[in-house]
């Protein structure tokens, strides 16, 4: 039950400790305990029961209408007010959506404007999936065939970087 308690602490951590949210946390804890006890009664192990409970009750935004706290949490997942002791900031700590047009989403560069790289990616990644599945099924090599993914990713990153370098140099 410590795992469930820790999970609840983390689930409600971004939100202020208002009386309504504290009451909803208690209700959710009782619901989770009931589901845990029911899973144990049906022969599940402790770990299986905890996993099932966290899976079933893991999304606070889906549970908010049931608990009557939909108005207490914002749809974007950011608290209405900062929790006690937390630094206040006017911007969220994680991106709220895709990067605005004209801005790169990451430090790797934006390959969306290179039709050739997009064409190669459209062939390369499906071919990698086919090779992976054929290798895994035909040779029953599931224990080693996963290596294709990091190798393919590094190879494609090298290709995209060289392509981007050459385009920018011209």
Protein backbone atom coordinates (compact mmCIF):
# COMPACT_ATOMS: atom_id res chain seq x y z
CA UNK A 1 0.00 0.00 0.00
CA UNK A 2 3.02 2.28 0.34
CA UNK A 3 3.34 2.22 -3.44
CA UNK A 4 -0.24 3.40 -3.85
CA UNK A 5 0.28 6.11 -1.22
CA UNK A 6 3.42 7.31 -3.02
CA UNK A 7 1.57 7.22 -6.33
CA UNK A 8 -1.22 9.37 -4.87
CA UNK A 9 1.33 11.81 -3.43
CA UNK A 10 2.89 12.23 -6.87
CA UNK A 11 -0.48 12.46 -8.59
CA UNK A 12 -1.66 15.35 -6.40
CA UNK A 13 1.75 17.02 -5.92
CA UNK A 14 1.34 19.66 -8.66
CA UNK A 15 -1.91 20.93 -7.18
CA UNK A 16 -2.57 23.10 -4.12
CA UNK A 17 -3.64 21.29 -0.96
CA UNK A 18 -7.17 22.70 -0.92
CA UNK A 19 -9.80 21.05 1.27
CA UNK A 20 -11.65 19.78 -1.82
CA UNK A 21 -8.53 18.22 -3.36
CA UNK A 22 -7.57 16.68 0.00
CA UNK A 23 -11.06 15.16 0.26
CA UNK A 24 -10.86 13.90 -3.34
CA UNK A 25 -7.46 12.36 -2.61
CA UNK A 26 -8.98 10.50 0.33
CA UNK A 27 -11.88 9.27 -1.82
CA UNK A 28 -9.48 8.13 -4.53
CA UNK A 29 -7.32 6.35 -1.94
CA UNK A 30 -10.38 4.46 -0.67
CA UNK A 31 -11.35 3.50 -4.24
CA UNK A 32 -7.81 2.32 -4.94
CA UNK A 33 -7.68 0.30 -1.71
CA UNK A 34 -10.99 -1.37 -2.60
CA UNK A 35 -9.70 -2.24 -6.07
CA UNK A 36 -6.44 -3.54 -4.57
CA UNK A 37 -8.25 -5.73 -2.03
CA UNK A 38 -10.58 -7.02 -4.76
CA UNK A 39 -7.60 -7.94 -6.96
CA UNK A 40 -5.92 -9.75 -4.04
CA UNK A 41 -9.18 -11.59 -3.34
CA UNK A 42 -9.20 -12.76 -6.95
CA UNK A 43 -5.77 -14.35 -6.55
CA UNK A 44 -3.46 -11.63 -7.87
CA UNK A 45 -0.06 -11.08 -6.30
CA UNK A 46 0.73 -7.83 -4.50
CA UNK A 47 2.68 -6.49 -7.49
CA UNK A 48 -0.04 -7.47 -9.98
CA UNK A 49 -2.72 -5.87 -7.81
CA UNK A 50 -0.75 -2.63 -7.39
CA UNK A 51 -0.04 -2.53 -11.14
CA UNK A 52 -3.71 -3.04 -11.96
CA UNK A 53 -4.80 -0.33 -9.51
CA UNK A 54 -2.30 2.18 -10.89
CA UNK A 55 -3.36 1.32 -14.44
CA UNK A 56 -7.05 1.67 -13.62
CA UNK A 57 -6.75 4.87 -11.57
CA UNK A 58 -3.63 6.43 -13.12
CA UNK A 59 -5.08 9.46 -14.90
CA UNK A 60 -6.30 12.22 -12.61
CA UNK A 61 -7.86 14.17 -15.49
CA UNK A 62 -10.09 11.21 -16.38
CA UNK A 63 -11.07 10.76 -12.73
CA UNK A 64 -11.62 14.46 -12.03
CA UNK A 65 -15.31 14.52 -13.09
CA UNK A 66 -16.02 11.42 -10.99
CA UNK A 67 -14.32 12.96 -7.97
CA UNK A 68 -15.91 16.36 -8.60
CA UNK A 69 -12.59 18.18 -8.96
CA UNK A 70 -12.65 18.97 -12.67
CA UNK A 71 -12.84 22.69 -11.87
CA UNK A 72 -9.97 22.41 -9.37
CA UNK A 73 -7.43 21.26 -11.93
CA UNK A 74 -6.76 22.85 -15.28
CA UNK A 75 -7.07 20.75 -18.45
CA UNK A 76 -3.43 21.40 -19.40
CA UNK A 77 -2.24 19.65 -16.27
CA UNK A 78 -0.77 22.74 -14.61
CA UNK A 79 -1.87 23.80 -11.15
CA UNK A 80 -4.07 26.84 -10.70
CA UNK A 81 -1.78 27.96 -7.93
CA UNK A 82 1.71 26.83 -7.06
CA UNK A 83 2.00 24.31 -4.22
CA UNK A 84 3.35 25.66 -0.95
CA UNK A 85 7.08 26.23 -1.13
CA UNK A 86 7.27 25.77 -4.90
CA UNK A 87 8.96 28.43 -7.01
CA UNK A 88 6.53 30.52 -8.99
CA UNK A 89 6.99 30.89 -12.71
CA UNK A 90 4.85 32.28 -15.47
CA UNK A 91 5.77 29.49 -17.90
CA UNK A 92 5.13 25.76 -17.62
CA UNK A 93 8.11 23.55 -16.81
CA UNK A 94 7.48 21.40 -19.88
CA UNK A 95 6.32 22.24 -23.40
CA UNK A 96 2.57 22.57 -23.73
CA UNK A 97 2.57 21.61 -27.40
CA UNK A 98 4.58 21.57 -30.58
CA UNK A 99 7.11 24.29 -31.28
CA UNK A 100 5.63 27.32 -33.06
CA UNK A 101 6.10 27.50 -36.81
CA UNK A 102 9.57 28.59 -37.78
CA UNK A 103 11.15 27.35 -34.56
CA UNK A 104 13.04 24.12 -34.11
CA UNK A 105 11.57 21.65 -31.65
CA UNK A 106 14.94 20.27 -30.60
CA UNK A 107 18.65 20.84 -30.91
CA UNK A 108 18.96 18.17 -33.62
CA UNK A 109 17.73 20.49 -36.34
CA UNK A 110 14.50 20.47 -38.24
CA UNK A 111 14.52 17.97 -41.10
CA UNK A 112 10.92 18.70 -42.10
CA UNK A 113 12.05 21.18 -44.75
CA UNK A 114 14.26 18.62 -46.53
CA UNK A 115 12.11 16.54 -48.86
CA UNK A 116 14.97 14.14 -49.62
CA UNK A 117 15.53 13.32 -45.94
CA UNK A 118 11.78 12.82 -45.54
CA UNK A 119 11.74 10.52 -48.58
CA UNK A 120 14.64 8.48 -47.21
CA UNK A 121 13.01 8.29 -43.77
CA UNK A 122 9.75 7.14 -45.34
CA UNK A 123 11.58 4.20 -46.90
CA UNK A 124 14.27 3.60 -44.26
CA UNK A 125 12.11 3.13 -41.16
CA UNK A 126 9.48 0.81 -42.70
CA UNK A 127 12.33 -1.22 -44.23
CA UNK A 128 13.92 -1.41 -40.77
CA UNK A 129 10.65 -2.75 -39.35
CA UNK A 130 10.44 -5.39 -42.08
CA UNK A 131 14.06 -6.46 -41.53
CA UNK A 132 13.51 -6.62 -37.77
CA UNK A 133 10.38 -8.74 -38.07
CA UNK A 134 11.85 -11.09 -40.68
CA UNK A 135 15.05 -11.55 -38.68
CA UNK A 136 13.10 -12.12 -35.45
CA UNK A 137 10.52 -14.54 -36.84
CA UNK A 138 12.62 -16.53 -39.30
CA UNK A 139 15.63 -17.01 -37.05
CA UNK A 140 13.73 -16.82 -33.73
CA UNK A 141 16.24 -14.20 -32.69
CA UNK A 142 14.11 -12.04 -30.42
CA UNK A 143 16.88 -11.96 -27.83
CA UNK A 144 19.31 -10.18 -30.17
CA UNK A 145 17.25 -8.66 -32.99
CA UNK A 146 16.41 -5.61 -30.86
CA UNK A 147 19.92 -4.36 -31.66
CA UNK A 148 18.64 -3.23 -35.04
CA UNK A 149 16.86 -0.25 -33.43
CA UNK A 150 19.85 1.54 -31.88
CA UNK A 151 22.01 0.72 -34.91
CA UNK A 152 19.32 2.01 -37.30
CA UNK A 153 18.81 5.15 -35.21
CA UNK A 154 22.51 5.98 -35.11
CA UNK A 155 22.88 5.29 -38.83
CA UNK A 156 19.92 7.51 -39.68
CA UNK A 157 21.15 10.26 -37.35
CA UNK A 158 24.52 10.20 -39.12
CA UNK A 159 22.83 10.34 -42.52
CA UNK A 160 20.54 13.22 -41.48
CA UNK A 161 23.41 15.15 -39.89
CA UNK A 162 25.66 14.80 -42.94
CA UNK A 163 22.76 15.72 -45.24
CA UNK A 164 21.93 18.77 -43.12
CA UNK A 165 25.60 19.82 -43.00
CA UNK A 166 25.96 19.58 -46.76
CA UNK A 167 22.73 21.51 -47.36
CA UNK A 168 23.75 24.29 -44.99
CA UNK A 169 27.23 24.51 -46.47
CA UNK A 170 25.93 25.20 -49.99
